[in-house]
Amino acid sequence: MVEETIKTIKETENAAEEIVREAEATCTDILEKASAEAGSIKEQVEAEAKAKAAANLDAAKEMGKKSEQEALAEVEKEIASLKAAALSKESEAVSAIIAELI
């Protein structure tokens, strides 16, 4: 009877050791898979962040280009206005000079 009990205890211990080994192996597999998945997710997030940054940079460049074009158009408009004003005063200046000479 005692021998059977000792035998049962040893079998139970062996079974428990096998369960622990299987659990450790399963744990290792889970950790390896989690690490690989985390690496994949990290790469995906980095790629998405780079794409978003590139899109934002392109948008900023486009906005800068548009602002530059608007400023250039405004400057050209001002130049045309100044030229028109100068031309309108040219005849007055010529008349004033001729009047002074006479």
C-alpha atoms as a PDB file:
ATOM      1  CA  MET A   1       0.000   0.000   0.000  1.00  0.00           C
ATOM      2  CA  VAL A   2       2.785   2.431   0.907  1.00  0.00           C
ATOM      3  CA  GLU A   3       4.650   1.466  -2.231  1.00  0.00           C
ATOM      4  CA  GLU A   4       1.606   2.248  -4.322  1.00  0.00           C
ATOM      5  CA  THR A   5       1.259   5.607  -2.628  1.00  0.00           C
ATOM      6  CA  ILE A   6       4.954   6.404  -3.225  1.00  0.00           C
ATOM      7  CA  LYS A   7       4.589   5.258  -6.822  1.00  0.00           C
ATOM      8  CA  THR A   8       1.495   7.455  -7.282  1.00  0.00           C
ATOM      9  CA  ILE A   9       3.306  10.439  -5.727  1.00  0.00           C
ATOM     10  CA  LYS A  10       6.299   9.956  -8.075  1.00  0.00           C
ATOM     11  CA  GLU A  11       3.998   9.657 -11.080  1.00  0.00           C
ATOM     12  CA  THR A  12       2.192  12.806  -9.989  1.00  0.00           C
ATOM     13  CA  GLU A  13       5.527  14.614  -9.524  1.00  0.00           C
ATOM     14  CA  ASN A  14       6.668  13.474 -12.975  1.00  0.00           C
ATOM     15  CA  ALA A  15       3.389  14.608 -14.491  1.00  0.00           C
ATOM     16  CA  ALA A  16       3.705  17.962 -12.706  1.00  0.00           C
ATOM     17  CA  GLU A  17       7.276  18.383 -14.006  1.00  0.00           C
ATOM     18  CA  GLU A  18       6.063  17.627 -17.536  1.00  0.00           C
ATOM     19  CA  ILE A  19       3.274  20.207 -17.152  1.00  0.00           C
ATOM     20  CA  VAL A  20       5.832  22.771 -15.969  1.00  0.00           C
ATOM     21  CA  ARG A  21       8.115  21.997 -18.959  1.00  0.00           C
ATOM     22  CA  GLU A  22       5.189  22.327 -21.363  1.00  0.00           C
ATOM     23  CA  ALA A  23       4.127  25.587 -19.705  1.00  0.00           C
ATOM     24  CA  GLU A  24       7.670  26.960 -20.011  1.00  0.00           C
ATOM     25  CA  ALA A  25       7.789  25.953 -23.677  1.00  0.00           C
ATOM     26  CA  THR A  26       4.389  27.535 -24.293  1.00  0.00           C
ATOM     27  CA  CYS A  27       5.505  30.665 -22.464  1.00  0.00           C
ATOM     28  CA  THR A  28       8.635  30.877 -24.603  1.00  0.00           C
ATOM     29  CA  ASP A  29       6.580  30.449 -27.786  1.00  0.00           C
ATOM     30  CA  ILE A  30       4.120  33.116 -26.683  1.00  0.00           C
ATOM     31  CA  LEU A  31       6.945  35.551 -25.849  1.00  0.00           C
ATOM     32  CA  GLU A  32       8.667  34.932 -29.194  1.00  0.00           C
ATOM     33  CA  LYS A  33       5.424  35.472 -31.094  1.00  0.00           C
ATOM     34  CA  ALA A  34       4.649  38.609 -29.086  1.00  0.00           C
ATOM     35  CA  SER A  35       8.121  39.976 -29.733  1.00  0.00           C
ATOM     36  CA  ALA A  36       7.819  39.315 -33.471  1.00  0.00           C
ATOM     37  CA  GLU A  37       4.352  40.878 -33.565  1.00  0.00           C
ATOM     38  CA  ALA A  38       5.586  43.917 -31.622  1.00  0.00           C
ATOM     39  CA  GLY A  39       8.422  44.340 -34.114  1.00  0.00           C
ATOM     40  CA  SER A  40       5.978  44.134 -36.991  1.00  0.00           C
ATOM     41  CA  ILE A  41       3.637  46.638 -35.375  1.00  0.00           C
ATOM     42  CA  LYS A  42       6.561  48.973 -34.681  1.00  0.00           C
ATOM     43  CA  GLU A  43       7.651  48.835 -38.325  1.00  0.00           C
ATOM     44  CA  GLN A  44       4.091  49.466 -39.489  1.00  0.00           C
ATOM     45  CA  VAL A  45       3.669  52.441 -37.144  1.00  0.00           C
ATOM     46  CA  GLU A  46       7.021  53.870 -38.254  1.00  0.00           C
ATOM     47  CA  ALA A  47       6.055  53.496 -41.908  1.00  0.00           C
ATOM     48  CA  GLU A  48       2.703  55.181 -41.284  1.00  0.00           C
ATOM     49  CA  ALA A  49       4.388  58.005 -39.357  1.00  0.00           C
ATOM     50  CA  LYS A  50       6.901  58.544 -42.160  1.00  0.00           C
ATOM     51  CA  ALA A  51       4.125  58.589 -44.754  1.00  0.00           C
ATOM     52  CA  LYS A  52       2.118  61.063 -42.683  1.00  0.00           C
ATOM     53  CA  ALA A  53       5.193  63.252 -42.168  1.00  0.00           C
ATOM     54  CA  ALA A  54       5.908  63.186 -45.897  1.00  0.00           C
ATOM     55  CA  ALA A  55       2.298  64.139 -46.658  1.00  0.00           C
ATOM     56  CA  ASN A  56       2.461  66.977 -44.118  1.00  0.00           C
ATOM     57  CA  LEU A  57       5.739  68.181 -45.624  1.00  0.00           C
ATOM     58  CA  ASP A  58       4.233  68.138 -49.111  1.00  0.00           C
ATOM     59  CA  ALA A  59       1.202  70.057 -47.863  1.00  0.00           C
ATOM     60  CA  ALA A  60       3.447  72.618 -46.160  1.00  0.00           C
ATOM     61  CA  LYS A  61       5.521  72.999 -49.321  1.00  0.00           C
ATOM     62  CA  GLU A  62       2.361  73.485 -51.365  1.00  0.00           C
ATOM     63  CA  MET A  63       1.064  76.090 -48.914  1.00  0.00           C
ATOM     64  CA  GLY A  64       4.424  77.871 -49.028  1.00  0.00           C
ATOM     65  CA  LYS A  65       4.404  77.837 -52.809  1.00  0.00           C
ATOM     66  CA  LYS A  66       0.870  79.201 -52.865  1.00  0.00           C
ATOM     67  CA  SER A  67       1.774  81.959 -50.384  1.00  0.00           C
ATOM     68  CA  GLU A  68       4.831  82.831 -52.461  1.00  0.00           C
ATOM     69  CA  GLN A  69       2.716  83.055 -55.622  1.00  0.00           C
ATOM     70  CA  GLU A  70       0.144  85.222 -53.877  1.00  0.00           C
ATOM     71  CA  ALA A  71       2.864  87.534 -52.539  1.00  0.00           C
ATOM     72  CA  LEU A  72       4.469  87.733 -55.975  1.00  0.00           C
ATOM     73  CA  ALA A  73       1.118  88.588 -57.564  1.00  0.00           C
ATOM     74  CA  GLU A  74       0.589  91.307 -54.952  1.00  0.00           C
ATOM     75  CA  VAL A  75       4.064  92.746 -55.613  1.00  0.00           C
ATOM     76  CA  GLU A  76       3.469  92.705 -59.374  1.00  0.00           C
ATOM     77  CA  LYS A  77       0.148  94.467 -58.817  1.00  0.00           C
ATOM     78  CA  GLU A  78       1.887  97.124 -56.682  1.00  0.00           C
ATOM     79  CA  ILE A  79       4.613  97.574 -59.323  1.00  0.00           C
ATOM     80  CA  ALA A  80       1.980  98.059 -62.026  1.00  0.00           C
ATOM     81  CA  SER A  81       0.202 100.600 -59.830  1.00  0.00           C
ATOM     82  CA  LEU A  82       3.439 102.510 -59.210  1.00  0.00           C
ATOM     83  CA  LYS A  83       4.274 102.473 -62.927  1.00  0.00           C
ATOM     84  CA  ALA A  84       0.820 103.808 -63.757  1.00  0.00           C
ATOM     85  CA  ALA A  85       1.202 106.540 -61.151  1.00  0.00           C
ATOM     86  CA  ALA A  86       4.659 107.433 -62.498  1.00  0.00           C
ATOM     87  CA  LEU A  87       3.359 107.571 -66.074  1.00  0.00           C
ATOM     88  CA  SER A  88       0.481 109.807 -65.060  1.00  0.00           C
ATOM     89  CA  LYS A  89       2.902 112.223 -63.393  1.00  0.00           C
ATOM     90  CA  GLU A  90       5.397 112.095 -66.250  1.00  0.00           C
ATOM     91  CA  SER A  91       3.455 114.560 -68.375  1.00  0.00           C
ATOM     92  CA  GLU A  92       3.088 116.870 -65.364  1.00  0.00           C
ATOM     93  CA  ALA A  93       6.844 116.708 -64.748  1.00  0.00           C
ATOM     94  CA  VAL A  94       7.611 117.414 -68.410  1.00  0.00           C
ATOM     95  CA  SER A  95       5.188 120.329 -68.413  1.00  0.00           C
ATOM     96  CA  ALA A  96       6.741 121.701 -65.197  1.00  0.00           C
ATOM     97  CA  ILE A  97      10.251 121.462 -66.642  1.00  0.00           C
ATOM     98  CA  ILE A  98       9.208 123.156 -69.895  1.00  0.00           C
ATOM     99  CA  ALA A  99       7.452 125.881 -67.891  1.00  0.00           C
ATOM    100  CA  GLU A 100      10.626 126.475 -65.895  1.00  0.00           C
ATOM    101  CA  LEU A 101      12.719 126.644 -69.052  1.00  0.00           C
ATOM    102  CA  ILE A 102      10.462 129.201 -70.720  1.00  0.00           C
END
